[in-house]
């Protein structure tokens, strides 16, 4: 997903997806799977700091800025939780995902569905 004013960040994320695909091909015959977990907004200390800065700049409060931030990108209007990302990582390490490889997997409240 592209975002204005974030060319370096977006380029790095696209690079991760490309590297994931190459590594998946290179390790396919060794029983190794390689996938990329691609989260949307996750309520972490970094995002909390961003929300506080947005609230201060807009003269609003953090809950208002949370709603605005999510409305800009995530149709489900809620943050992904770190434990949800962890659960996806655990699944990717399981036998159920033994033939999933080279995939960018979005866990983003519908962000890439736009």
PDB file of N, CA and C in Angstrom:
ATOM      1  N   UNK A   1       0.855  -1.172   0.000  1.00  0.00           N
ATOM      2  CA  UNK A   1       0.000   0.000   0.000  1.00  0.00           C
ATOM      3  C   UNK A   1       0.897   1.230   0.000  1.00  0.00           C
ATOM      4  N   UNK A   2       0.612   2.178  -0.818  1.00  0.00           N
ATOM      5  CA  UNK A   2       1.384   3.413  -0.874  1.00  0.00           C
ATOM      6  C   UNK A   2       0.749   4.479   0.012  1.00  0.00           C
ATOM      7  N   UNK A   3       1.588   5.325   0.574  1.00  0.00           N
ATOM      8  CA  UNK A   3       1.122   6.433   1.408  1.00  0.00           C
ATOM      9  C   UNK A   3       1.898   7.682   1.024  1.00  0.00           C
ATOM     10  N   UNK A   4       1.224   8.829   0.911  1.00  0.00           N
ATOM     11  CA  UNK A   4       1.922  10.061   0.568  1.00  0.00           C
ATOM     12  C   UNK A   4       2.993  10.398   1.602  1.00  0.00           C
ATOM     13  N   UNK A   5       4.067  10.979   1.153  1.00  0.00           N
ATOM     14  CA  UNK A   5       5.157  11.458   2.009  1.00  0.00           C
ATOM     15  C   UNK A   5       5.909  10.328   2.719  1.00  0.00           C
ATOM     16  N   UNK A   6       5.789   9.103   2.236  1.00  0.00           N
ATOM     17  CA  UNK A   6       6.452   7.968   2.889  1.00  0.00           C
ATOM     18  C   UNK A   6       7.180   7.095   1.870  1.00  0.00           C
ATOM     19  N   UNK A   7       7.859   7.712   0.912  1.00  0.00           N
ATOM     20  CA  UNK A   7       8.468   6.946  -0.172  1.00  0.00           C
ATOM     21  C   UNK A   7       9.490   5.938   0.349  1.00  0.00           C
ATOM     22  N   UNK A   8      10.344   6.323   1.274  1.00  0.00           N
ATOM     23  CA  UNK A   8      11.361   5.394   1.778  1.00  0.00           C
ATOM     24  C   UNK A   8      10.714   4.234   2.530  1.00  0.00           C
ATOM     25  N   UNK A   9       9.729   4.529   3.352  1.00  0.00           N
ATOM     26  CA  UNK A   9       9.030   3.501   4.120  1.00  0.00           C
ATOM     27  C   UNK A   9       8.333   2.513   3.189  1.00  0.00           C
ATOM     28  N   UNK A  10       7.613   3.037   2.208  1.00  0.00           N
ATOM     29  CA  UNK A  10       6.874   2.184   1.277  1.00  0.00           C
ATOM     30  C   UNK A  10       7.843   1.357   0.432  1.00  0.00           C
ATOM     31  N   UNK A  11       8.930   1.964  -0.014  1.00  0.00           N
ATOM     32  CA  UNK A  11       9.925   1.228  -0.798  1.00  0.00           C
ATOM     33  C   UNK A  11      10.519   0.086   0.021  1.00  0.00           C
ATOM     34  N   UNK A  12      10.789   0.332   1.288  1.00  0.00           N
ATOM     35  CA  UNK A  12      11.336  -0.718   2.151  1.00  0.00           C
ATOM     36  C   UNK A  12      10.349  -1.870   2.307  1.00  0.00           C
ATOM     37  N   UNK A  13       9.075  -1.549   2.497  1.00  0.00           N
ATOM     38  CA  UNK A  13       8.065  -2.597   2.662  1.00  0.00           C
ATOM     39  C   UNK A  13       7.911  -3.425   1.384  1.00  0.00           C
ATOM     40  N   UNK A  14       7.949  -2.779   0.239  1.00  0.00           N
ATOM     41  CA  UNK A  14       7.868  -3.517  -1.019  1.00  0.00           C
ATOM     42  C   UNK A  14       9.111  -4.385  -1.203  1.00  0.00           C
ATOM     43  N   UNK A  15      10.251  -3.900  -0.740  1.00  0.00           N
ATOM     44  CA  UNK A  15      11.480  -4.693  -0.782  1.00  0.00           C
ATOM     45  C   UNK A  15      11.375  -5.950   0.059  1.00  0.00           C
ATOM     46  N   UNK A  16      10.734  -5.850   1.214  1.00  0.00           N
ATOM     47  CA  UNK A  16      10.536  -7.022   2.076  1.00  0.00           C
ATOM     48  C   UNK A  16       9.693  -8.069   1.354  1.00  0.00           C
ATOM     49  N   UNK A  17       8.651  -7.634   0.665  1.00  0.00           N
ATOM     50  CA  UNK A  17       7.802  -8.580  -0.072  1.00  0.00           C
ATOM     51  C   UNK A  17       8.616  -9.261  -1.173  1.00  0.00           C
ATOM     52  N   UNK A  18       9.416  -8.506  -1.894  1.00  0.00           N
ATOM     53  CA  UNK A  18      10.258  -9.095  -2.938  1.00  0.00           C
ATOM     54  C   UNK A  18      11.268 -10.073  -2.367  1.00  0.00           C
ATOM     55  N   UNK A  19      11.906  -9.705  -1.272  1.00  0.00           N
ATOM     56  CA  UNK A  19      12.879 -10.593  -0.631  1.00  0.00           C
ATOM     57  C   UNK A  19      12.205 -11.867  -0.128  1.00  0.00           C
ATOM     58  N   UNK A  20      10.982 -11.735   0.358  1.00  0.00           N
ATOM     59  CA  UNK A  20      10.221 -12.901   0.822  1.00  0.00           C
ATOM     60  C   UNK A  20      10.008 -13.882  -0.324  1.00  0.00           C
ATOM     61  N   UNK A  21       9.634 -13.379  -1.469  1.00  0.00           N
ATOM     62  CA  UNK A  21       9.377 -14.243  -2.619  1.00  0.00           C
ATOM     63  C   UNK A  21      10.658 -14.940  -3.088  1.00  0.00           C
ATOM     64  N   UNK A  22      11.759 -14.194  -3.141  1.00  0.00           N
ATOM     65  CA  UNK A  22      13.033 -14.790  -3.556  1.00  0.00           C
ATOM     66  C   UNK A  22      13.469 -15.864  -2.566  1.00  0.00           C
ATOM     67  N   UNK A  23      13.411 -15.554  -1.274  1.00  0.00           N
ATOM     68  CA  UNK A  23      13.819 -16.527  -0.257  1.00  0.00           C
ATOM     69  C   UNK A  23      12.933 -17.770  -0.297  1.00  0.00           C
ATOM     70  N   UNK A  24      11.647 -17.583  -0.565  1.00  0.00           N
ATOM     71  CA  UNK A  24      10.733 -18.726  -0.654  1.00  0.00           C
ATOM     72  C   UNK A  24      11.126 -19.653  -1.800  1.00  0.00           C
ATOM     73  N   UNK A  25      11.473 -19.080  -2.925  1.00  0.00           N
ATOM     74  CA  UNK A  25      11.891 -19.886  -4.076  1.00  0.00           C
ATOM     75  C   UNK A  25      13.211 -20.590  -3.780  1.00  0.00           C
ATOM     76  N   UNK A  26      14.143 -19.860  -3.186  1.00  0.00           N
ATOM     77  CA  UNK A  26      15.470 -20.422  -2.919  1.00  0.00           C
ATOM     78  C   UNK A  26      15.455 -21.539  -1.881  1.00  0.00           C
ATOM     79  N   UNK A  27      14.484 -21.542  -0.990  1.00  0.00           N
ATOM     80  CA  UNK A  27      14.451 -22.545   0.083  1.00  0.00           C
ATOM     81  C   UNK A  27      13.327 -23.572  -0.078  1.00  0.00           C
ATOM     82  N   UNK A  28      12.605 -23.507  -1.176  1.00  0.00           N
ATOM     83  CA  UNK A  28      11.435 -24.371  -1.367  1.00  0.00           C
ATOM     84  C   UNK A  28      11.766 -25.857  -1.273  1.00  0.00           C
ATOM     85  N   UNK A  29      12.889 -26.279  -1.783  1.00  0.00           N
ATOM     86  CA  UNK A  29      13.248 -27.699  -1.758  1.00  0.00           C
ATOM     87  C   UNK A  29      13.896 -28.133  -0.454  1.00  0.00           C
ATOM     88  N   UNK A  30      14.046 -27.219   0.480  1.00  0.00           N
ATOM     89  CA  UNK A  30      14.658 -27.535   1.773  1.00  0.00           C
ATOM     90  C   UNK A  30      13.626 -27.647   2.886  1.00  0.00           C
ATOM     91  N   UNK A  31      12.353 -27.576   2.540  1.00  0.00           N
ATOM     92  CA  UNK A  31      11.308 -27.673   3.552  1.00  0.00           C
ATOM     93  C   UNK A  31      11.159 -26.415   4.390  1.00  0.00           C
ATOM     94  N   UNK A  32      11.652 -25.305   3.876  1.00  0.00           N
ATOM     95  CA  UNK A  32      11.570 -24.026   4.592  1.00  0.00           C
ATOM     96  C   UNK A  32      10.520 -23.163   3.908  1.00  0.00           C
ATOM     97  N   UNK A  33       9.638 -22.591   4.690  1.00  0.00           N
ATOM     98  CA  UNK A  33       8.662 -21.656   4.141  1.00  0.00           C
ATOM     99  C   UNK A  33       9.028 -20.245   4.575  1.00  0.00           C
ATOM    100  N   UNK A  34       8.775 -19.304   3.696  1.00  0.00           N
ATOM    101  CA  UNK A  34       9.082 -17.899   3.966  1.00  0.00           C
ATOM    102  C   UNK A  34       7.874 -17.068   3.552  1.00  0.00           C
ATOM    103  N   UNK A  35       7.313 -16.351   4.502  1.00  0.00           N
ATOM    104  CA  UNK A  35       6.156 -15.499   4.242  1.00  0.00           C
ATOM    105  C   UNK A  35       6.362 -14.159   4.934  1.00  0.00           C
ATOM    106  N   UNK A  36       5.647 -13.155   4.491  1.00  0.00           N
ATOM    107  CA  UNK A  36       5.726 -11.825   5.104  1.00  0.00           C
ATOM    108  C   UNK A  36       4.388 -11.485   5.744  1.00  0.00           C
ATOM    109  N   UNK A  37       4.426 -11.154   7.016  1.00  0.00           N
ATOM    110  CA  UNK A  37       3.229 -10.674   7.704  1.00  0.00           C
ATOM    111  C   UNK A  37       3.180  -9.167   7.498  1.00  0.00           C
ATOM    112  N   UNK A  38       2.075  -8.686   6.938  1.00  0.00           N
ATOM    113  CA  UNK A  38       1.938  -7.278   6.568  1.00  0.00           C
ATOM    114  C   UNK A  38       0.797  -6.646   7.367  1.00  0.00           C
ATOM    115  N   UNK A  39       1.115  -6.080   8.524  1.00  0.00           N
ATOM    116  CA  UNK A  39       0.055  -5.503   9.351  1.00  0.00           C
ATOM    117  C   UNK A  39      -0.328  -4.094   8.926  1.00  0.00           C
ATOM    118  N   UNK A  40      -1.550  -3.744   9.267  1.00  0.00           N
ATOM    119  CA  UNK A  40      -1.987  -2.357   9.153  1.00  0.00           C
ATOM    120  C   UNK A  40      -1.638  -1.659  10.456  1.00  0.00           C
ATOM    121  N   UNK A  41      -2.533  -0.829  10.943  1.00  0.00           N
ATOM    122  CA  UNK A  41      -2.283  -0.137  12.207  1.00  0.00           C
ATOM    123  C   UNK A  41      -2.370  -1.117  13.369  1.00  0.00           C
ATOM    124  N   UNK A  42      -1.312  -1.149  14.162  1.00  0.00           N
ATOM    125  CA  UNK A  42      -1.254  -1.966  15.371  1.00  0.00           C
ATOM    126  C   UNK A  42      -1.047  -0.999  16.529  1.00  0.00           C
ATOM    127  N   UNK A  43      -1.843  -1.133  17.558  1.00  0.00           N
ATOM    128  CA  UNK A  43      -1.750  -0.208  18.689  1.00  0.00           C
ATOM    129  C   UNK A  43      -0.529  -0.564  19.534  1.00  0.00           C
ATOM    130  N   UNK A  44       0.589   0.047  19.176  1.00  0.00           N
ATOM    131  CA  UNK A  44       1.873  -0.132  19.854  1.00  0.00           C
ATOM    132  C   UNK A  44       2.275   1.204  20.466  1.00  0.00           C
ATOM    133  N   UNK A  45       3.310   1.228  21.294  1.00  0.00           N
ATOM    134  CA  UNK A  45       3.775   2.514  21.827  1.00  0.00           C
ATOM    135  C   UNK A  45       4.110   3.530  20.727  1.00  0.00           C
ATOM    136  N   UNK A  46       4.660   3.080  19.608  1.00  0.00           N
ATOM    137  CA  UNK A  46       4.970   3.995  18.507  1.00  0.00           C
ATOM    138  C   UNK A  46       3.703   4.655  17.972  1.00  0.00           C
ATOM    139  N   UNK A  47       2.660   3.873  17.748  1.00  0.00           N
ATOM    140  CA  UNK A  47       1.398   4.417  17.234  1.00  0.00           C
ATOM    141  C   UNK A  47       0.735   5.299  18.290  1.00  0.00           C
ATOM    142  N   UNK A  48       0.825   4.906  19.544  1.00  0.00           N
ATOM    143  CA  UNK A  48       0.257   5.740  20.613  1.00  0.00           C
ATOM    144  C   UNK A  48       0.916   7.117  20.629  1.00  0.00           C
ATOM    145  N   UNK A  49       2.232   7.169  20.416  1.00  0.00           N
ATOM    146  CA  UNK A  49       2.945   8.449  20.343  1.00  0.00           C
ATOM    147  C   UNK A  49       2.456   9.263  19.151  1.00  0.00           C
ATOM    148  N   UNK A  50       2.247   8.598  18.017  1.00  0.00           N
ATOM    149  CA  UNK A  50       1.734   9.291  16.830  1.00  0.00           C
ATOM    150  C   UNK A  50       0.335   9.847  17.088  1.00  0.00           C
ATOM    151  N   UNK A  51      -0.487   9.078  17.766  1.00  0.00           N
ATOM    152  CA  UNK A  51      -1.846   9.535  18.079  1.00  0.00           C
ATOM    153  C   UNK A  51      -1.824  10.742  19.007  1.00  0.00           C
ATOM    154  N   UNK A  52      -0.953  10.719  19.993  1.00  0.00           N
ATOM    155  CA  UNK A  52      -0.831  11.860  20.907  1.00  0.00           C
ATOM    156  C   UNK A  52      -0.398  13.108  20.149  1.00  0.00           C
ATOM    157  N   UNK A  53       0.552  12.951  19.225  1.00  0.00           N
ATOM    158  CA  UNK A  53       1.017  14.090  18.423  1.00  0.00           C
ATOM    159  C   UNK A  53      -0.097  14.612  17.520  1.00  0.00           C
ATOM    160  N   UNK A  54      -0.856  13.715  16.916  1.00  0.00           N
ATOM    161  CA  UNK A  54      -1.981  14.135  16.071  1.00  0.00           C
ATOM    162  C   UNK A  54      -3.016  14.898  16.887  1.00  0.00           C
ATOM    163  N   UNK A  55      -3.320  14.379  18.083  1.00  0.00           N
ATOM    164  CA  UNK A  55      -4.316  15.033  18.940  1.00  0.00           C
ATOM    165  C   UNK A  55      -3.850  16.428  19.331  1.00  0.00           C
ATOM    166  N   UNK A  56      -2.585  16.540  19.682  1.00  0.00           N
ATOM    167  CA  UNK A  56      -2.040  17.848  20.071  1.00  0.00           C
ATOM    168  C   UNK A  56      -2.101  18.822  18.893  1.00  0.00           C
ATOM    169  N   UNK A  57      -1.685  18.362  17.715  1.00  0.00           N
ATOM    170  CA  UNK A  57      -1.677  19.224  16.526  1.00  0.00           C
ATOM    171  C   UNK A  57      -3.084  19.647  16.114  1.00  0.00           C
ATOM    172  N   UNK A  58      -4.051  18.759  16.304  1.00  0.00           N
ATOM    173  CA  UNK A  58      -5.427  19.047  15.886  1.00  0.00           C
ATOM    174  C   UNK A  58      -6.259  19.695  16.987  1.00  0.00           C
ATOM    175  N   UNK A  59      -5.700  19.747  18.203  1.00  0.00           N
ATOM    176  CA  UNK A  59      -6.459  20.301  19.318  1.00  0.00           C
ATOM    177  C   UNK A  59      -7.617  19.407  19.730  1.00  0.00           C
ATOM    178  N   UNK A  60      -7.438  18.100  19.538  1.00  0.00           N
ATOM    179  CA  UNK A  60      -8.478  17.137  19.904  1.00  0.00           C
ATOM    180  C   UNK A  60      -7.928  16.193  20.970  1.00  0.00           C
ATOM    181  N   UNK A  61      -8.565  15.053  21.122  1.00  0.00           N
ATOM    182  CA  UNK A  61      -8.074  14.062  22.074  1.00  0.00           C
ATOM    183  C   UNK A  61      -7.684  12.779  21.337  1.00  0.00           C
ATOM    184  N   UNK A  62      -7.010  11.887  22.048  1.00  0.00           N
ATOM    185  CA  UNK A  62      -6.518  10.650  21.439  1.00  0.00           C
ATOM    186  C   UNK A  62      -7.651   9.778  20.893  1.00  0.00           C
ATOM    187  N   UNK A  63      -8.751   9.552  21.627  1.00  0.00           N
ATOM    188  CA  UNK A  63      -9.825   8.731  21.045  1.00  0.00           C
ATOM    189  C   UNK A  63     -10.369   9.285  19.720  1.00  0.00           C
ATOM    190  N   UNK A  64     -10.456  10.598  19.613  1.00  0.00           N
ATOM    191  CA  UNK A  64     -10.915  11.209  18.358  1.00  0.00           C
ATOM    192  C   UNK A  64      -9.926  10.917  17.241  1.00  0.00           C
ATOM    193  N   UNK A  65      -8.645  11.041  17.535  1.00  0.00           N
ATOM    194  CA  UNK A  65      -7.620  10.796  16.518  1.00  0.00           C
ATOM    195  C   UNK A  65      -7.521   9.317  16.156  1.00  0.00           C
ATOM    196  N   UNK A  66      -7.773   8.433  17.118  1.00  0.00           N
ATOM    197  CA  UNK A  66      -7.815   6.997  16.808  1.00  0.00           C
ATOM    198  C   UNK A  66      -8.887   6.731  15.755  1.00  0.00           C
ATOM    199  N   UNK A  67     -10.073   7.271  15.969  1.00  0.00           N
ATOM    200  CA  UNK A  67     -11.178   7.070  15.023  1.00  0.00           C
ATOM    201  C   UNK A  67     -10.828   7.626  13.650  1.00  0.00           C
ATOM    202  N   UNK A  68     -10.226   8.817  13.620  1.00  0.00           N
ATOM    203  CA  UNK A  68      -9.852   9.430  12.343  1.00  0.00           C
ATOM    204  C   UNK A  68      -8.796   8.592  11.621  1.00  0.00           C
ATOM    205  N   UNK A  69      -7.766   8.167  12.369  1.00  0.00           N
ATOM    206  CA  UNK A  69      -6.679   7.393  11.773  1.00  0.00           C
ATOM    207  C   UNK A  69      -7.215   6.104  11.146  1.00  0.00           C
ATOM    208  N   UNK A  70      -8.047   5.410  11.879  1.00  0.00           N
ATOM    209  CA  UNK A  70      -8.596   4.158  11.371  1.00  0.00           C
ATOM    210  C   UNK A  70      -9.537   4.394  10.195  1.00  0.00           C
ATOM    211  N   UNK A  71     -10.327   5.449  10.251  1.00  0.00           N
ATOM    212  CA  UNK A  71     -11.263   5.755   9.161  1.00  0.00           C
ATOM    213  C   UNK A  71     -10.531   6.067   7.856  1.00  0.00           C
ATOM    214  N   UNK A  72      -9.297   6.555   7.961  1.00  0.00           N
ATOM    215  CA  UNK A  72      -8.509   6.885   6.769  1.00  0.00           C
ATOM    216  C   UNK A  72      -8.082   5.636   6.004  1.00  0.00           C
ATOM    217  N   UNK A  73      -7.944   4.506   6.696  1.00  0.00           N
ATOM    218  CA  UNK A  73      -7.331   3.350   6.045  1.00  0.00           C
ATOM    219  C   UNK A  73      -7.995   2.007   6.301  1.00  0.00           C
ATOM    220  N   UNK A  74      -8.490   1.756   7.486  1.00  0.00           N
ATOM    221  CA  UNK A  74      -8.923   0.413   7.865  1.00  0.00           C
ATOM    222  C   UNK A  74     -10.440   0.325   7.981  1.00  0.00           C
ATOM    223  N   UNK A  75     -11.107  -0.273   6.989  1.00  0.00           N
ATOM    224  CA  UNK A  75     -12.566  -0.342   6.998  1.00  0.00           C
ATOM    225  C   UNK A  75     -13.168  -0.972   8.256  1.00  0.00           C
ATOM    226  N   UNK A  76     -12.439  -1.853   8.915  1.00  0.00           N
ATOM    227  CA  UNK A  76     -12.982  -2.478  10.129  1.00  0.00           C
ATOM    228  C   UNK A  76     -12.983  -1.520  11.318  1.00  0.00           C
ATOM    229  N   UNK A  77     -12.283  -0.391  11.167  1.00  0.00           N
ATOM    230  CA  UNK A  77     -12.245   0.664  12.185  1.00  0.00           C
ATOM    231  C   UNK A  77     -11.749   0.180  13.547  1.00  0.00           C
ATOM    232  N   UNK A  78     -10.785  -0.735  13.518  1.00  0.00           N
ATOM    233  CA  UNK A  78     -10.154  -1.146  14.768  1.00  0.00           C
ATOM    234  C   UNK A  78      -8.703  -1.529  14.504  1.00  0.00           C
ATOM    235  N   UNK A  79      -7.903  -1.362  15.544  1.00  0.00           N
ATOM    236  CA  UNK A  79      -6.493  -1.701  15.453  1.00  0.00           C
ATOM    237  C   UNK A  79      -6.311  -3.215  15.492  1.00  0.00           C
ATOM    238  N   UNK A  80      -5.291  -3.688  14.802  1.00  0.00           N
ATOM    239  CA  UNK A  80      -4.876  -5.075  14.955  1.00  0.00           C
ATOM    240  C   UNK A  80      -4.094  -5.156  16.260  1.00  0.00           C
ATOM    241  N   UNK A  81      -4.308  -6.221  17.003  1.00  0.00           N
ATOM    242  CA  UNK A  81      -3.615  -6.396  18.279  1.00  0.00           C
ATOM    243  C   UNK A  81      -2.325  -7.181  18.056  1.00  0.00           C
ATOM    244  N   UNK A  82      -1.275  -6.861  18.817  1.00  0.00           N
ATOM    245  CA  UNK A  82      -0.023  -7.619  18.680  1.00  0.00           C
ATOM    246  C   UNK A  82      -0.235  -9.130  18.818  1.00  0.00           C
ATOM    247  N   UNK A  83      -1.136  -9.538  19.708  1.00  0.00           N
ATOM    248  CA  UNK A  83      -1.358 -10.975  19.886  1.00  0.00           C
ATOM    249  C   UNK A  83      -2.024 -11.613  18.664  1.00  0.00           C
ATOM    250  N   UNK A  84      -2.739 -10.829  17.860  1.00  0.00           N
ATOM    251  CA  UNK A  84      -3.305 -11.362  16.616  1.00  0.00           C
ATOM    252  C   UNK A  84      -2.196 -11.628  15.602  1.00  0.00           C
ATOM    253  N   UNK A  85      -1.220 -10.744  15.567  1.00  0.00           N
ATOM    254  CA  UNK A  85      -0.073 -10.951  14.681  1.00  0.00           C
ATOM    255  C   UNK A  85       0.718 -12.168  15.151  1.00  0.00           C
ATOM    256  N   UNK A  86       0.883 -12.295  16.459  1.00  0.00           N
ATOM    257  CA  UNK A  86       1.587 -13.459  17.011  1.00  0.00           C
ATOM    258  C   UNK A  86       0.867 -14.754  16.647  1.00  0.00           C
ATOM    259  N   UNK A  87      -0.457 -14.745  16.720  1.00  0.00           N
ATOM    260  CA  UNK A  87      -1.229 -15.944  16.372  1.00  0.00           C
ATOM    261  C   UNK A  87      -1.032 -16.315  14.903  1.00  0.00           C
ATOM    262  N   UNK A  88      -0.956 -15.317  14.033  1.00  0.00           N
ATOM    263  CA  UNK A  88      -0.694 -15.586  12.621  1.00  0.00           C
ATOM    264  C   UNK A  88       0.697 -16.189  12.451  1.00  0.00           C
ATOM    265  N   UNK A  89       1.679 -15.657  13.160  1.00  0.00           N
ATOM    266  CA  UNK A  89       3.042 -16.192  13.078  1.00  0.00           C
ATOM    267  C   UNK A  89       3.085 -17.645  13.546  1.00  0.00           C
ATOM    268  N   UNK A  90       2.366 -17.945  14.621  1.00  0.00           N
ATOM    269  CA  UNK A  90       2.310 -19.329  15.111  1.00  0.00           C
ATOM    270  C   UNK A  90       1.691 -20.233  14.045  1.00  0.00           C
ATOM    271  N   UNK A  91       0.605 -19.785  13.430  1.00  0.00           N
ATOM    272  CA  UNK A  91      -0.009 -20.580  12.361  1.00  0.00           C
ATOM    273  C   UNK A  91       0.981 -20.831  11.229  1.00  0.00           C
ATOM    274  N   UNK A  92       1.721 -19.800  10.833  1.00  0.00           N
ATOM    275  CA  UNK A  92       2.666 -19.949   9.724  1.00  0.00           C
ATOM    276  C   UNK A  92       3.785 -20.938  10.047  1.00  0.00           C
ATOM    277  N   UNK A  93       4.006 -21.195  11.326  1.00  0.00           N
ATOM    278  CA  UNK A  93       5.010 -22.177  11.752  1.00  0.00           C
ATOM    279  C   UNK A  93       4.414 -23.574  11.918  1.00  0.00           C
ATOM    280  N   UNK A  94       3.128 -23.718  11.683  1.00  0.00           N
ATOM    281  CA  UNK A  94       2.443 -24.995  11.909  1.00  0.00           C
ATOM    282  C   UNK A  94       2.382 -25.832  10.634  1.00  0.00           C
ATOM    283  N   UNK A  95       1.997 -27.101  10.808  1.00  0.00           N
ATOM    284  CA  UNK A  95       1.810 -27.988   9.658  1.00  0.00           C
ATOM    285  C   UNK A  95       0.705 -27.485   8.728  1.00  0.00           C
ATOM    286  N   UNK A  96      -0.257 -26.762   9.279  1.00  0.00           N
ATOM    287  CA  UNK A  96      -1.338 -26.219   8.464  1.00  0.00           C
ATOM    288  C   UNK A  96      -0.860 -25.251   7.397  1.00  0.00           C
ATOM    289  N   UNK A  97       0.308 -24.681   7.597  1.00  0.00           N
ATOM    290  CA  UNK A  97       0.864 -23.724   6.639  1.00  0.00           C
ATOM    291  C   UNK A  97       2.085 -24.288   5.913  1.00  0.00           C
ATOM    292  N   UNK A  98       2.244 -25.606   5.943  1.00  0.00           N
ATOM    293  CA  UNK A  98       3.447 -26.235   5.393  1.00  0.00           C
ATOM    294  C   UNK A  98       3.672 -25.973   3.907  1.00  0.00           C
ATOM    295  N   UNK A  99       2.620 -25.665   3.165  1.00  0.00           N
ATOM    296  CA  UNK A  99       2.803 -25.374   1.738  1.00  0.00           C
ATOM    297  C   UNK A  99       2.515 -23.914   1.398  1.00  0.00           C
ATOM    298  N   UNK A 100       2.401 -23.087   2.407  1.00  0.00           N
ATOM    299  CA  UNK A 100       2.263 -21.638   2.169  1.00  0.00           C
ATOM    300  C   UNK A 100       3.659 -21.046   2.160  1.00  0.00           C
ATOM    301  N   UNK A 101       4.056 -20.496   1.047  1.00  0.00           N
ATOM    302  CA  UNK A 101       5.372 -19.870   0.996  1.00  0.00           C
ATOM    303  C   UNK A 101       5.388 -18.771  -0.060  1.00  0.00           C
ATOM    304  N   UNK A 102       6.191 -17.759   0.200  1.00  0.00           N
ATOM    305  CA  UNK A 102       6.316 -16.638  -0.730  1.00  0.00           C
ATOM    306  C   UNK A 102       5.153 -15.673  -0.696  1.00  0.00           C
ATOM    307  N   UNK A 103       4.379 -15.697   0.375  1.00  0.00           N
ATOM    308  CA  UNK A 103       3.152 -14.907   0.429  1.00  0.00           C
ATOM    309  C   UNK A 103       3.268 -13.668   1.316  1.00  0.00           C
ATOM    310  N   UNK A 104       2.846 -12.524   0.809  1.00  0.00           N
ATOM    311  CA  UNK A 104       2.619 -11.379   1.696  1.00  0.00           C
ATOM    312  C   UNK A 104       1.218 -11.551   2.289  1.00  0.00           C
ATOM    313  N   UNK A 105       1.119 -11.642   3.597  1.00  0.00           N
ATOM    314  CA  UNK A 105      -0.166 -11.905   4.246  1.00  0.00           C
ATOM    315  C   UNK A 105      -0.592 -10.664   5.017  1.00  0.00           C
ATOM    316  N   UNK A 106      -1.648 -10.047   4.551  1.00  0.00           N
ATOM    317  CA  UNK A 106      -2.150  -8.827   5.183  1.00  0.00           C
ATOM    318  C   UNK A 106      -3.004  -9.170   6.388  1.00  0.00           C
ATOM    319  N   UNK A 107      -2.780  -8.432   7.458  1.00  0.00           N
ATOM    320  CA  UNK A 107      -3.610  -8.515   8.658  1.00  0.00           C
ATOM    321  C   UNK A 107      -3.832  -7.055   9.059  1.00  0.00           C
ATOM    322  N   UNK A 108      -4.791  -6.434   8.378  1.00  0.00           N
ATOM    323  CA  UNK A 108      -4.836  -4.974   8.363  1.00  0.00           C
ATOM    324  C   UNK A 108      -6.230  -4.361   8.439  1.00  0.00           C
ATOM    325  N   UNK A 109      -7.194  -5.098   8.930  1.00  0.00           N
ATOM    326  CA  UNK A 109      -8.537  -4.538   9.058  1.00  0.00           C
ATOM    327  C   UNK A 109      -9.169  -4.124   7.741  1.00  0.00           C
ATOM    328  N   UNK A 110      -8.693  -4.701   6.640  1.00  0.00           N
ATOM    329  CA  UNK A 110      -9.260  -4.398   5.331  1.00  0.00           C
ATOM    330  C   UNK A 110      -8.552  -3.303   4.548  1.00  0.00           C
ATOM    331  N   UNK A 111      -7.399  -2.831   5.035  1.00  0.00           N
ATOM    332  CA  UNK A 111      -6.682  -1.728   4.389  1.00  0.00           C
ATOM    333  C   UNK A 111      -6.436  -2.013   2.911  1.00  0.00           C
ATOM    334  N   UNK A 112      -5.875  -3.187   2.582  1.00  0.00           N
ATOM    335  CA  UNK A 112      -5.546  -3.458   1.176  1.00  0.00           C
ATOM    336  C   UNK A 112      -6.766  -3.809   0.334  1.00  0.00           C
ATOM    337  N   UNK A 113      -7.927  -3.929   0.962  1.00  0.00           N
ATOM    338  CA  UNK A 113      -9.149  -4.196   0.201  1.00  0.00           C
ATOM    339  C   UNK A 113      -9.632  -2.962  -0.556  1.00  0.00           C
ATOM    340  N   UNK A 114      -9.083  -1.798  -0.252  1.00  0.00           N
ATOM    341  CA  UNK A 114      -9.483  -0.556  -0.936  1.00  0.00           C
ATOM    342  C   UNK A 114      -9.241  -0.662  -2.414  1.00  0.00           C
TER     343      UNK A 114
END
